[in-house]
Protein backbone atom coordinates (compact mmCIF):
# COMPACT_ATOMS: atom_id res chain seq x y z
CA MET A 1 3.67 -34.01 24.45
CA ARG A 2 6.57 -32.84 23.22
CA ASN A 3 6.53 -32.20 19.33
CA LYS A 4 9.82 -30.68 18.29
CA MET A 5 12.97 -29.45 19.58
CA PHE A 6 13.35 -26.13 19.07
CA GLU A 7 17.31 -24.79 18.46
CA LEU A 8 19.03 -21.84 17.98
CA GLU A 9 19.76 -20.63 14.60
CA ASN A 10 22.82 -19.49 15.60
CA GLU A 11 24.89 -17.78 18.91
CA PHE A 12 24.03 -14.49 17.88
CA VAL A 13 20.24 -15.06 17.56
CA LYS A 14 18.42 -13.67 20.47
CA TYR A 15 15.17 -12.50 19.35
CA ALA A 16 12.56 -13.86 17.00
CA VAL A 17 8.88 -13.70 15.55
CA ILE A 18 6.95 -16.85 16.06
CA GLY A 19 3.68 -17.74 14.00
CA ASP A 20 1.57 -20.12 12.06
CA PRO A 21 2.69 -19.42 9.28
CA VAL A 22 5.61 -17.52 9.68
CA ALA A 23 7.49 -17.89 6.58
CA HIS A 24 6.13 -14.50 4.99
CA SER A 25 7.17 -12.67 7.87
CA VAL A 26 9.34 -9.44 7.05
CA SER A 27 9.86 -8.61 10.72
CA PRO A 28 13.59 -10.02 10.82
CA ALA A 29 14.60 -7.52 8.04
CA MET A 30 13.12 -4.93 9.83
CA GLN A 31 14.47 -5.88 13.15
CA ASN A 32 18.03 -6.85 12.10
CA ALA A 33 18.46 -3.51 10.43
CA GLY A 34 17.47 -1.83 13.69
CA PHE A 35 20.03 -4.08 15.65
CA MET A 36 22.74 -3.41 13.02
CA ALA A 37 21.98 0.09 13.15
CA ALA A 38 22.26 0.51 16.96
CA GLY A 39 25.59 -1.19 16.74
CA LEU A 40 24.30 -4.35 18.51
CA ASP A 41 25.46 -7.70 17.82
CA GLU A 42 21.95 -9.54 18.58
CA ARG A 43 20.28 -11.03 15.74
CA TYR A 44 16.55 -11.81 15.20
CA GLY A 45 15.16 -14.86 13.45
CA LYS A 46 11.96 -16.50 13.20
CA TYR A 47 10.55 -19.88 14.41
CA HIS A 48 7.37 -21.61 12.99
CA VAL A 49 5.54 -22.62 15.90
CA LYS A 50 2.19 -24.73 15.82
CA PRO A 51 -0.54 -24.00 18.34
CA ASP A 52 0.36 -27.45 19.99
CA GLU A 53 3.95 -26.52 20.20
CA LEU A 54 3.57 -22.94 22.00
CA ALA A 55 4.29 -24.39 25.45
CA ASP A 56 7.33 -25.85 24.22
CA PHE A 57 9.02 -22.65 22.31
CA THR A 58 7.90 -20.95 25.46
CA GLU A 59 10.20 -22.95 27.92
CA PHE A 60 12.80 -22.97 24.91
CA ALA A 61 12.64 -19.05 24.80
CA ARG A 62 13.00 -18.93 28.60
CA HIS A 63 16.20 -20.25 28.55
CA ASN A 64 17.75 -19.15 24.97
CA LEU A 65 16.44 -15.70 23.91
CA TYR A 66 16.19 -12.33 25.22
CA GLY A 67 12.54 -11.86 23.61
CA PHE A 68 10.14 -12.74 20.70
CA ASN A 69 7.27 -11.30 18.74
CA ALA A 70 4.20 -13.45 18.39
CA THR A 71 1.95 -13.26 15.71
CA VAL A 72 -1.42 -15.14 14.58
CA PRO A 73 -2.30 -17.51 15.91
CA HIS A 74 -0.54 -17.29 19.08
CA LYS A 75 -1.32 -13.62 20.71
CA SER A 76 -4.31 -14.71 23.08
CA ALA A 77 -2.86 -18.43 23.72
CA LEU A 78 0.20 -17.18 24.81
CA ILE A 79 -1.11 -15.19 28.08
CA ASP A 80 -1.40 -18.29 30.22
CA LEU A 81 2.21 -19.20 29.59
CA LEU A 82 3.57 -16.26 30.63
CA ASP A 83 4.86 -14.97 34.20
CA GLU A 84 3.67 -11.37 34.10
CA VAL A 85 1.32 -9.81 31.44
CA ALA A 86 0.94 -6.01 31.23
CA PRO A 87 -2.45 -4.95 32.12
CA ALA A 88 -3.51 -3.11 28.77
CA ALA A 89 -2.27 -6.52 27.14
CA LEU A 90 -4.18 -8.58 29.54
CA ALA A 91 -7.45 -6.10 28.92
CA ALA A 92 -7.10 -6.63 25.11
CA ASN A 93 -6.49 -10.75 25.53
CA SER A 94 -3.55 -10.04 23.08
CA VAL A 95 0.26 -10.30 23.58
CA ASN A 96 2.80 -9.64 20.56
CA THR A 97 5.82 -8.67 22.34
CA VAL A 98 7.56 -11.24 25.44
CA SER A 99 10.53 -10.17 27.05
CA VAL A 100 12.82 -12.63 28.94
CA ARG A 101 14.53 -11.40 31.87
CA ASN A 102 16.13 -13.61 34.86
CA GLY A 103 14.15 -16.86 33.37
CA LYS A 104 11.00 -14.72 33.56
CA LEU A 105 8.66 -14.26 30.74
CA TYR A 106 6.88 -10.59 30.54
CA GLY A 107 4.32 -10.15 27.85
CA ASP A 108 2.98 -6.80 26.57
CA SER A 109 1.56 -5.52 23.53
CA THR A 110 2.99 -2.78 21.01
CA ASP A 111 -0.07 -3.29 18.63
CA GLY A 112 -1.94 -0.28 19.97
CA TYR A 113 1.15 2.07 19.85
CA GLY A 114 1.67 1.13 16.23
CA LEU A 115 -1.73 1.35 15.18
CA GLU A 116 -2.04 4.90 16.80
CA THR A 117 1.30 6.19 15.29
CA ALA A 118 0.67 5.04 12.15
CA LEU A 119 -2.90 6.55 11.85
CA LYS A 120 -1.16 9.87 12.85
CA GLU A 121 1.56 9.60 10.51
CA ALA A 122 -0.61 8.65 7.36
CA PHE A 123 -3.54 10.75 8.14
CA ASP A 124 -2.49 13.26 10.89
CA LEU A 125 -5.70 11.44 13.02
CA ASP A 126 -5.70 11.36 16.68
CA ILE A 127 -7.95 8.50 17.56
CA ALA A 128 -9.24 10.44 20.97
CA ASP A 129 -12.58 11.62 19.77
CA SER A 130 -12.74 10.36 16.33
CA ARG A 131 -15.66 8.70 14.58
CA ILE A 132 -14.27 5.15 13.25
CA VAL A 133 -15.72 2.58 11.03
CA MET A 134 -14.05 -0.90 11.18
CA LEU A 135 -14.25 -4.03 8.96
CA GLY A 136 -14.15 -7.31 10.92
CA ALA A 137 -14.62 -8.68 14.55
CA GLY A 138 -11.98 -11.41 14.53
CA GLY A 139 -8.76 -11.63 16.55
CA ALA A 140 -7.01 -8.68 14.84
CA ALA A 141 -10.34 -6.79 15.00
CA GLN A 142 -11.00 -7.69 18.52
CA ALA A 143 -7.46 -6.02 20.05
CA THR A 144 -7.86 -3.24 17.60
CA ALA A 145 -11.26 -2.14 18.69
CA PHE A 146 -10.02 -2.53 22.39
CA GLU A 147 -7.23 0.09 21.46
CA PHE A 148 -9.94 2.56 19.88
CA VAL A 149 -11.88 2.24 22.92
CA SER A 150 -8.99 2.75 25.24
CA ARG A 151 -8.18 5.36 23.54
CA GLN A 152 -11.50 7.38 23.66
CA ALA A 153 -12.49 7.25 20.47
CA ALA A 154 -15.75 9.15 20.08
CA HIS A 155 -17.87 6.51 18.28
CA LEU A 156 -16.66 3.10 17.03
CA THR A 157 -19.23 0.93 14.05
CA ILE A 158 -18.10 -2.51 13.99
CA VAL A 159 -19.25 -4.24 10.45
CA ASN A 160 -18.91 -7.81 10.18
CA ARG A 161 -20.51 -10.57 7.62
CA THR A 162 -21.79 -12.20 10.92
CA LYS A 163 -23.57 -9.49 12.66
CA SER A 164 -23.83 -11.69 16.13
CA LYS A 165 -19.94 -11.46 16.20
CA ALA A 166 -19.97 -7.59 15.89
CA GLU A 167 -22.68 -7.61 18.72
CA ALA A 168 -20.68 -9.71 20.92
CA LEU A 169 -17.83 -7.28 20.43
CA ALA A 170 -19.54 -4.18 20.93
CA GLU A 171 -21.19 -5.61 24.27
CA HIS A 172 -17.58 -6.80 25.48
CA LEU A 173 -16.27 -3.26 24.91
CA SER A 174 -19.09 -1.49 26.52
CA GLY A 175 -18.98 0.54 29.43
CA GLN A 176 -16.50 3.20 28.39
CA SER A 177 -17.07 6.31 26.90
CA THR A 178 -16.80 5.32 23.15
CA VAL A 179 -20.48 4.97 21.72
CA LEU A 180 -20.54 1.43 19.92
CA THR A 181 -22.64 0.29 16.96
CA ALA A 182 -22.75 -3.09 15.42
CA LEU A 183 -23.66 -3.95 11.79
CA GLY A 184 -23.87 -7.03 9.54
CA ASN A 185 -22.60 -6.63 6.05
CA ASP A 186 -26.34 -6.59 4.49
CA GLU A 187 -26.98 -3.43 6.36
CA THR A 188 -25.49 -1.65 3.39
CA ASP A 189 -27.70 1.81 4.26
CA LEU A 190 -26.41 2.25 7.77
CA ILE A 191 -22.90 0.87 6.72
CA ALA A 192 -22.67 3.63 4.03
CA GLN A 193 -24.27 6.31 6.31
CA ALA A 194 -21.54 5.37 9.12
CA ILE A 195 -18.55 5.46 6.42
CA THR A 196 -19.85 9.09 5.28
CA HIS A 197 -19.64 10.49 8.64
CA ALA A 198 -16.27 8.41 10.11
CA ASP A 199 -13.17 9.98 10.05
CA VAL A 200 -11.42 6.69 9.25
CA VAL A 201 -12.30 3.17 7.79
CA ILE A 202 -10.04 0.23 9.26
CA GLN A 203 -9.84 -3.01 7.49
CA ALA A 204 -9.07 -5.41 9.99
CA THR A 205 -10.27 -8.57 8.41
CA SER A 206 -7.89 -10.89 6.58
CA ALA A 207 -9.51 -10.42 3.24
CA GLY A 208 -6.51 -9.50 1.06
CA LEU A 209 -4.08 -11.84 2.21
CA ARG A 210 -4.41 -13.96 -0.58
CA GLU A 211 -5.25 -12.47 -4.21
CA SER A 212 -8.19 -14.55 -4.23
CA ASP A 213 -10.06 -13.25 -1.29
CA ALA A 214 -13.37 -11.68 -1.79
CA PRO A 215 -13.74 -7.82 -0.23
CA PRO A 216 -14.90 -7.70 2.88
CA LEU A 217 -17.90 -5.64 1.63
CA GLU A 218 -19.24 -4.14 -1.32
CA LEU A 219 -16.58 -1.80 -2.40
CA GLU A 220 -18.86 0.92 -3.59
CA LEU A 221 -20.05 1.47 0.20
CA LEU A 222 -16.25 3.27 0.64
CA GLN A 223 -16.82 5.83 -2.03
CA ASN A 224 -17.78 8.67 0.60
CA ALA A 225 -14.74 7.38 3.07
CA ALA A 226 -12.55 10.28 4.35
CA ALA A 227 -9.65 7.81 4.73
CA ILE A 228 -8.78 4.31 4.61
CA PHE A 229 -6.51 2.17 6.38
CA ASP A 230 -5.96 -1.31 5.74
CA MET A 231 -3.87 -3.31 8.23
CA ILE A 232 -2.50 -5.94 5.57
CA TYR A 233 0.64 -4.68 4.22
CA LYS A 234 -0.23 -5.57 0.35
CA ASN A 235 -2.26 -3.56 -1.93
CA THR A 236 -5.63 -5.08 -1.37
CA ALA A 237 -8.72 -4.49 -3.37
CA VAL A 238 -9.74 -2.24 -0.48
CA LEU A 239 -6.73 0.22 -1.25
CA GLN A 240 -6.81 -0.09 -5.16
CA TYR A 241 -10.33 1.13 -5.13
CA ALA A 242 -9.41 3.58 -2.58
CA GLN A 243 -6.36 4.71 -4.83
CA LYS A 244 -9.00 4.65 -8.06
CA HIS A 245 -11.18 7.03 -6.20
CA ASN A 246 -8.36 9.43 -4.72
CA ILE A 247 -9.48 8.30 -0.95
CA PRO A 248 -6.34 8.91 1.29
CA CYS A 249 -5.03 5.36 2.15
CA ALA A 250 -2.59 3.61 3.72
CA ASP A 251 -1.49 -0.23 4.32
CA GLY A 252 -0.48 -1.85 7.26
CA ARG A 253 3.33 -1.26 6.96
CA GLY A 254 3.22 1.68 9.13
CA MET A 255 1.54 -0.25 11.90
CA LEU A 256 4.28 -3.12 11.41
CA LEU A 257 7.06 -0.77 11.63
CA HIS A 258 5.69 1.09 15.01
CA GLN A 259 4.87 -1.79 16.76
CA GLY A 260 8.17 -3.29 15.76
CA ALA A 261 10.15 -0.30 17.06
CA LYS A 262 8.31 -0.45 20.14
CA SER A 263 9.36 -4.07 20.68
CA PHE A 264 12.78 -3.05 19.83
CA SER A 265 12.87 -0.09 22.85
CA ILE A 266 11.16 -2.62 25.05
CA TRP A 267 14.08 -5.18 24.78
CA THR A 268 16.74 -2.99 24.26
CA GLU A 269 15.87 0.00 26.38
CA ARG A 270 17.11 2.56 23.72
CA ARG A 271 15.33 4.49 21.11
CA ALA A 272 14.68 2.44 17.98
CA PRO A 273 16.40 3.50 14.64
CA VAL A 274 13.13 3.88 12.88
CA ALA A 275 14.55 5.30 9.60
CA ALA A 276 16.97 2.13 9.30
CA MET A 277 14.16 -0.25 9.88
CA ARG A 278 11.40 1.61 7.38
CA ALA A 279 14.04 1.36 4.71
CA ALA A 280 14.35 -2.52 5.49
CA LEU A 281 10.93 -2.93 5.86
CA ASP A 282 9.99 -1.37 2.40
CA ALA A 283 12.76 -3.24 0.99
CA ALA A 284 11.61 -6.59 2.08
CA LEU A 285 7.82 -5.93 1.02
CA ASN A 286 8.64 -4.39 -2.18
CA LYS A 287 10.85 -7.74 -3.51
């Protein structure tokens, strides 16, 4: 069933971000700064696409756009609608970057690159051989965990409110060199022990998107963390705790910047103007 007709915002908009919701997205500000700094005429918009409109949108994109980014909740559902998907994105079951070439849709994921680059930038941390505690086992966490395993982290501890979800994710990722452990939120002694020995704690739940959200775990368990990376680009309760206790920390804007820069490079086949994109991103987030 056709839900609605998608229309170009204007003739210059050839790229976009899609999501449900999408109004909050700062990707247009960041990407448009990139296009302008690179001297390109194309512009980047946003489309509110509900799950039952995704197929219609991909057909619209096939004939009208040069590429688009996908965010929640479309990263997995998109895969079956594309003509070709990069092997790593297929294995992670997550696509966030689509290129349109000669009427065909090519899917890729730049999230892993964005995360890897952000961790290196914030903490001088290399994922390979590192010990990581990850909070969450949902969609974002699943793709993130895959990146850690594919980049050969030494040990990944997955902590989730529902332990069975953490166990299922660990089982799905098994068979690689990374040692995997699954814990429920109530296993506080084991969580504290894992955090004490970890190089970084990754906050990969949605807790903190709304100010009313409860923290993803008892904050006191973080007191011995070496570093904390929250994938949300807000000053969440987790980050406030880290700042109060002088724990090195970073929010998700570095990941957003670098995955966006990688998307830009895939589409334009040129180096992304990262400094201009960073300035625009910071300005948009600090409004």
